[in-house]
Every structure is written in structure tokens, then in C-alpha cells.
Amino acid sequence: MSACDLASLGPERLVSIDGAIDPGPLPVRAVLRLGEREWLVLDAVAAEIPELAGALAVDVGDSIDGWRLSGPGACELMAKACLLDLDRLPAGAATRTVMGGVTVLVRVVAADVFELRVERSYAAWFEAWLRQL
């Protein structure tokens, strides 16, 4: 595997692949539109987002686990892991795709930085699968 970092988005699970990790908190504060009437609010309370005033919000934070994939080998690893055309996704874009048989929410943070989120029940298996690529 080429050099890249895989850091858990949760402070309790920091792991690394071929390199050091930044153990600091991720500056993630975003509202991602996942579908016609589906939004995912990251690291914020929905009531703090004026555009979501009056919307029904459900906290799903404990049901999702995630990682940040970064470094010089991140794009290569993503190319092996999924069929997304990463050149067509600008920074800030998010989409769902299938990786290793699991539905994954992929957020492009920068050209070589990706956030991957899966349902917590698949997290250990997905991480093991990702490491073997």
C-alpha cells in the first residue's frame, strides 16, 4: 500500500496506515445534502443551522463511524476502493457509494483528503477491508 493516513473521526479510535496521524480534532462543520429531503449535519446542532429551521432533526451520531483518509496515497487507495470519478467531485462534495459491499458516505475535503463514514455495525469489518487494499 502506498503511504497514506487513516484517522478515525472519533477520538477513541485513532489508527494509522503507513504514516503518522494528526490526533487533533477535525475541523468538520458541514451540512451535506444526501438526497431530495435528507441532510446530514456534521459537528453541529441542527437548530444552529438557519436553513434547517423547522426541520425534523434526528441525532444519528452514535450510529455512524468514520475515518479521514489523507496523504499522497489517498487518491490511489480511493481508486482501488470504489468506482467514483474523484476528479468530478470538488472539495466539499459528498456522495454515497459502495465499498467492499458496504454503503459508505464519502466527503471530499480536499484533492487528497477524504472522509469515509459507515454504519457503526460495519465499522470494524470496513476498516479491516480498507487496510488490506
C-alpha atoms as a PDB file:
ATOM      1  CA  MET A   1       0.000   0.000   0.000  1.00  0.00           C
ATOM      2  CA  SER A   2       1.246   3.494  -0.753  1.00  0.00           C
ATOM      3  CA  ALA A   3       1.745   5.957   2.062  1.00  0.00           C
ATOM      4  CA  CYS A   4      -1.446   7.472   3.384  1.00  0.00           C
ATOM      5  CA  ASP A   5      -3.039   8.125   6.743  1.00  0.00           C
ATOM      6  CA  LEU A   6      -6.292   6.697   8.016  1.00  0.00           C
ATOM      7  CA  ALA A   7      -7.504   8.541  11.090  1.00  0.00           C
ATOM      8  CA  SER A   8     -10.718   7.787  12.897  1.00  0.00           C
ATOM      9  CA  LEU A   9     -13.180  10.639  13.113  1.00  0.00           C
ATOM     10  CA  GLY A  10     -13.905   9.531  16.665  1.00  0.00           C
ATOM     11  CA  PRO A  11     -11.250  10.322  19.297  1.00  0.00           C
ATOM     12  CA  GLU A  12     -11.465   6.822  20.760  1.00  0.00           C
ATOM     13  CA  ARG A  13     -10.293   5.074  17.581  1.00  0.00           C
ATOM     14  CA  LEU A  14      -7.231   6.692  16.039  1.00  0.00           C
ATOM     15  CA  VAL A  15      -5.413   4.347  13.686  1.00  0.00           C
ATOM     16  CA  SER A  16      -2.752   4.789  11.054  1.00  0.00           C
ATOM     17  CA  ILE A  17      -1.836   3.207   7.754  1.00  0.00           C
ATOM     18  CA  ASP A  18       1.807   3.701   6.748  1.00  0.00           C
ATOM     19  CA  GLY A  19       2.317   7.007   8.455  1.00  0.00           C
ATOM     20  CA  ALA A  20       1.702   9.354  11.312  1.00  0.00           C
ATOM     21  CA  ILE A  21      -1.719  10.678  12.173  1.00  0.00           C
ATOM     22  CA  ASP A  22      -2.886  14.027  13.393  1.00  0.00           C
ATOM     23  CA  PRO A  23      -4.631  13.247  16.676  1.00  0.00           C
ATOM     24  CA  GLY A  24      -6.243  16.668  16.873  1.00  0.00           C
ATOM     25  CA  PRO A  25      -9.958  17.140  16.320  1.00  0.00           C
ATOM     26  CA  LEU A  26     -11.071  17.531  12.747  1.00  0.00           C
ATOM     27  CA  PRO A  27     -12.439  20.938  11.846  1.00  0.00           C
ATOM     28  CA  VAL A  28     -15.576  19.343  10.455  1.00  0.00           C
ATOM     29  CA  ARG A  29     -18.659  21.508  10.487  1.00  0.00           C
ATOM     30  CA  ALA A  30     -20.792  20.916   7.465  1.00  0.00           C
ATOM     31  CA  VAL A  31     -24.292  20.341   6.222  1.00  0.00           C
ATOM     32  CA  LEU A  32     -24.348  17.687   3.499  1.00  0.00           C
ATOM     33  CA  ARG A  33     -27.324  17.223   1.212  1.00  0.00           C
ATOM     34  CA  LEU A  34     -27.693  13.489   0.742  1.00  0.00           C
ATOM     35  CA  GLY A  35     -30.969  13.463  -1.136  1.00  0.00           C
ATOM     36  CA  GLU A  36     -34.096  15.421  -2.006  1.00  0.00           C
ATOM     37  CA  ARG A  37     -35.166  15.755   1.626  1.00  0.00           C
ATOM     38  CA  GLU A  38     -32.233  14.247   3.504  1.00  0.00           C
ATOM     39  CA  TRP A  39     -29.410  16.187   5.122  1.00  0.00           C
ATOM     40  CA  LEU A  40     -26.534  15.185   7.374  1.00  0.00           C
ATOM     41  CA  VAL A  41     -25.342  17.848   9.813  1.00  0.00           C
ATOM     42  CA  LEU A  42     -21.787  17.229  10.983  1.00  0.00           C
ATOM     43  CA  ASP A  43     -20.444  18.543  14.280  1.00  0.00           C
ATOM     44  CA  ALA A  44     -23.289  20.952  14.903  1.00  0.00           C
ATOM     45  CA  VAL A  45     -26.736  21.062  16.359  1.00  0.00           C
ATOM     46  CA  ALA A  46     -29.374  21.267  13.622  1.00  0.00           C
ATOM     47  CA  ALA A  47     -31.062  24.134  15.462  1.00  0.00           C
ATOM     48  CA  GLU A  48     -27.875  26.185  14.913  1.00  0.00           C
ATOM     49  CA  ILE A  49     -28.334  25.993  11.131  1.00  0.00           C
ATOM     50  CA  PRO A  50     -30.766  28.717   9.961  1.00  0.00           C
ATOM     51  CA  GLU A  51     -31.539  26.884   6.689  1.00  0.00           C
ATOM     52  CA  LEU A  52     -32.877  23.934   8.675  1.00  0.00           C
ATOM     53  CA  ALA A  53     -35.243  25.952  10.849  1.00  0.00           C
ATOM     54  CA  GLY A  54     -38.452  23.994  11.352  1.00  0.00           C
ATOM     55  CA  ALA A  55     -36.978  20.743  10.048  1.00  0.00           C
ATOM     56  CA  LEU A  56     -37.271  17.474  11.918  1.00  0.00           C
ATOM     57  CA  ALA A  57     -33.782  16.537  13.151  1.00  0.00           C
ATOM     58  CA  VAL A  58     -32.724  13.126  14.419  1.00  0.00           C
ATOM     59  CA  ASP A  59     -29.362  12.584  16.129  1.00  0.00           C
ATOM     60  CA  VAL A  60     -27.663   9.650  14.413  1.00  0.00           C
ATOM     61  CA  GLY A  61     -24.160  10.408  15.654  1.00  0.00           C
ATOM     62  CA  ASP A  62     -23.836   7.208  17.657  1.00  0.00           C
ATOM     63  CA  SER A  63     -24.816   5.064  14.679  1.00  0.00           C
ATOM     64  CA  ILE A  64     -22.081   6.296  12.339  1.00  0.00           C
ATOM     65  CA  ASP A  65     -18.344   5.687  12.487  1.00  0.00           C
ATOM     66  CA  GLY A  66     -15.829   7.344  10.238  1.00  0.00           C
ATOM     67  CA  TRP A  67     -12.271   7.918   9.154  1.00  0.00           C
ATOM     68  CA  ARG A  68     -10.236  10.583   7.417  1.00  0.00           C
ATOM     69  CA  LEU A  69      -8.053   9.270   4.625  1.00  0.00           C
ATOM     70  CA  SER A  70      -5.248  11.620   3.619  1.00  0.00           C
ATOM     71  CA  GLY A  71      -1.750  11.780   2.212  1.00  0.00           C
ATOM     72  CA  PRO A  72      -0.022  11.091  -1.077  1.00  0.00           C
ATOM     73  CA  GLY A  73      -1.575   7.635  -1.452  1.00  0.00           C
ATOM     74  CA  ALA A  74      -5.143   8.617  -0.584  1.00  0.00           C
ATOM     75  CA  CYS A  75      -6.342   9.042  -4.182  1.00  0.00           C
ATOM     76  CA  GLU A  76      -4.748   5.768  -5.207  1.00  0.00           C
ATOM     77  CA  LEU A  77      -6.414   3.933  -2.328  1.00  0.00           C
ATOM     78  CA  MET A  78      -9.777   5.519  -3.145  1.00  0.00           C
ATOM     79  CA  ALA A  79      -9.392   4.466  -6.778  1.00  0.00           C
ATOM     80  CA  LYS A  80      -8.895   0.869  -5.620  1.00  0.00           C
ATOM     81  CA  ALA A  81     -11.754   1.037  -3.118  1.00  0.00           C
ATOM     82  CA  CYS A  82     -14.569   2.466  -5.238  1.00  0.00           C
ATOM     83  CA  LEU A  83     -15.732   3.406  -8.706  1.00  0.00           C
ATOM     84  CA  LEU A  84     -16.232   7.125  -8.022  1.00  0.00           C
ATOM     85  CA  ASP A  85     -14.716   9.518 -10.539  1.00  0.00           C
ATOM     86  CA  LEU A  86     -12.914  11.589  -7.916  1.00  0.00           C
ATOM     87  CA  ASP A  87     -11.854  14.216 -10.475  1.00  0.00           C
ATOM     88  CA  ARG A  88     -15.525  15.178 -10.860  1.00  0.00           C
ATOM     89  CA  LEU A  89     -16.097  15.721  -7.125  1.00  0.00           C
ATOM     90  CA  PRO A  90     -14.992  19.147  -5.905  1.00  0.00           C
ATOM     91  CA  ALA A  91     -13.852  19.813  -2.348  1.00  0.00           C
ATOM     92  CA  GLY A  92     -16.911  19.843  -0.093  1.00  0.00           C
ATOM     93  CA  ALA A  93     -18.855  17.366  -2.221  1.00  0.00           C
ATOM     94  CA  ALA A  94     -20.379  14.305  -0.579  1.00  0.00           C
ATOM     95  CA  THR A  95     -21.981  11.209  -2.029  1.00  0.00           C
ATOM     96  CA  ARG A  96     -22.776   7.635  -1.165  1.00  0.00           C
ATOM     97  CA  THR A  97     -21.075   4.722  -2.834  1.00  0.00           C
ATOM     98  CA  VAL A  98     -20.441   1.044  -2.197  1.00  0.00           C
ATOM     99  CA  MET A  99     -17.013  -0.064  -0.993  1.00  0.00           C
ATOM    100  CA  GLY A 100     -16.397  -3.694  -0.148  1.00  0.00           C
ATOM    101  CA  GLY A 101     -20.130  -4.374  -0.147  1.00  0.00           C
ATOM    102  CA  VAL A 102     -20.853  -1.627   2.404  1.00  0.00           C
ATOM    103  CA  THR A 103     -22.626   1.663   1.742  1.00  0.00           C
ATOM    104  CA  VAL A 104     -20.161   4.454   2.512  1.00  0.00           C
ATOM    105  CA  LEU A 105     -20.700   8.195   2.697  1.00  0.00           C
ATOM    106  CA  VAL A 106     -17.673   9.815   1.051  1.00  0.00           C
ATOM    107  CA  ARG A 107     -16.930  13.502   1.619  1.00  0.00           C
ATOM    108  CA  VAL A 108     -14.148  15.160  -0.377  1.00  0.00           C
ATOM    109  CA  VAL A 109     -12.352  17.548   1.974  1.00  0.00           C
ATOM    110  CA  ALA A 110      -9.502  18.390  -0.428  1.00  0.00           C
ATOM    111  CA  ALA A 111      -7.909  16.830  -3.513  1.00  0.00           C
ATOM    112  CA  ASP A 112      -6.160  14.177  -1.404  1.00  0.00           C
ATOM    113  CA  VAL A 113      -8.269  14.197   1.780  1.00  0.00           C
ATOM    114  CA  PHE A 114     -11.438  12.142   2.136  1.00  0.00           C
ATOM    115  CA  GLU A 115     -13.827  11.392   4.975  1.00  0.00           C
ATOM    116  CA  LEU A 116     -15.446   7.975   4.940  1.00  0.00           C
ATOM    117  CA  ARG A 117     -18.477   7.197   7.107  1.00  0.00           C
ATOM    118  CA  VAL A 118     -20.267   3.873   7.575  1.00  0.00           C
ATOM    119  CA  GLU A 119     -22.889   2.480   9.912  1.00  0.00           C
ATOM    120  CA  ARG A 120     -21.143   1.591  13.171  1.00  0.00           C
ATOM    121  CA  SER A 121     -22.141  -2.077  12.904  1.00  0.00           C
ATOM    122  CA  TYR A 122     -19.933  -2.355   9.785  1.00  0.00           C
ATOM    123  CA  ALA A 123     -17.042  -0.228  11.089  1.00  0.00           C
ATOM    124  CA  ALA A 124     -14.608  -2.921  12.257  1.00  0.00           C
ATOM    125  CA  TRP A 125     -15.124  -5.020   9.142  1.00  0.00           C
ATOM    126  CA  PHE A 126     -14.852  -1.999   6.836  1.00  0.00           C
ATOM    127  CA  GLU A 127     -11.646  -0.798   8.481  1.00  0.00           C
ATOM    128  CA  ALA A 128     -10.082  -4.263   8.122  1.00  0.00           C
ATOM    129  CA  TRP A 129     -11.154  -4.375   4.464  1.00  0.00           C
ATOM    130  CA  LEU A 130      -9.728  -0.906   3.829  1.00  0.00           C
ATOM    131  CA  ARG A 131      -6.397  -1.855   5.422  1.00  0.00           C
ATOM    132  CA  GLN A 132      -5.959  -4.899   3.177  1.00  0.00           C
ATOM    133  CA  LEU A 133      -6.253  -2.913  -0.080  1.00  0.00           C
END
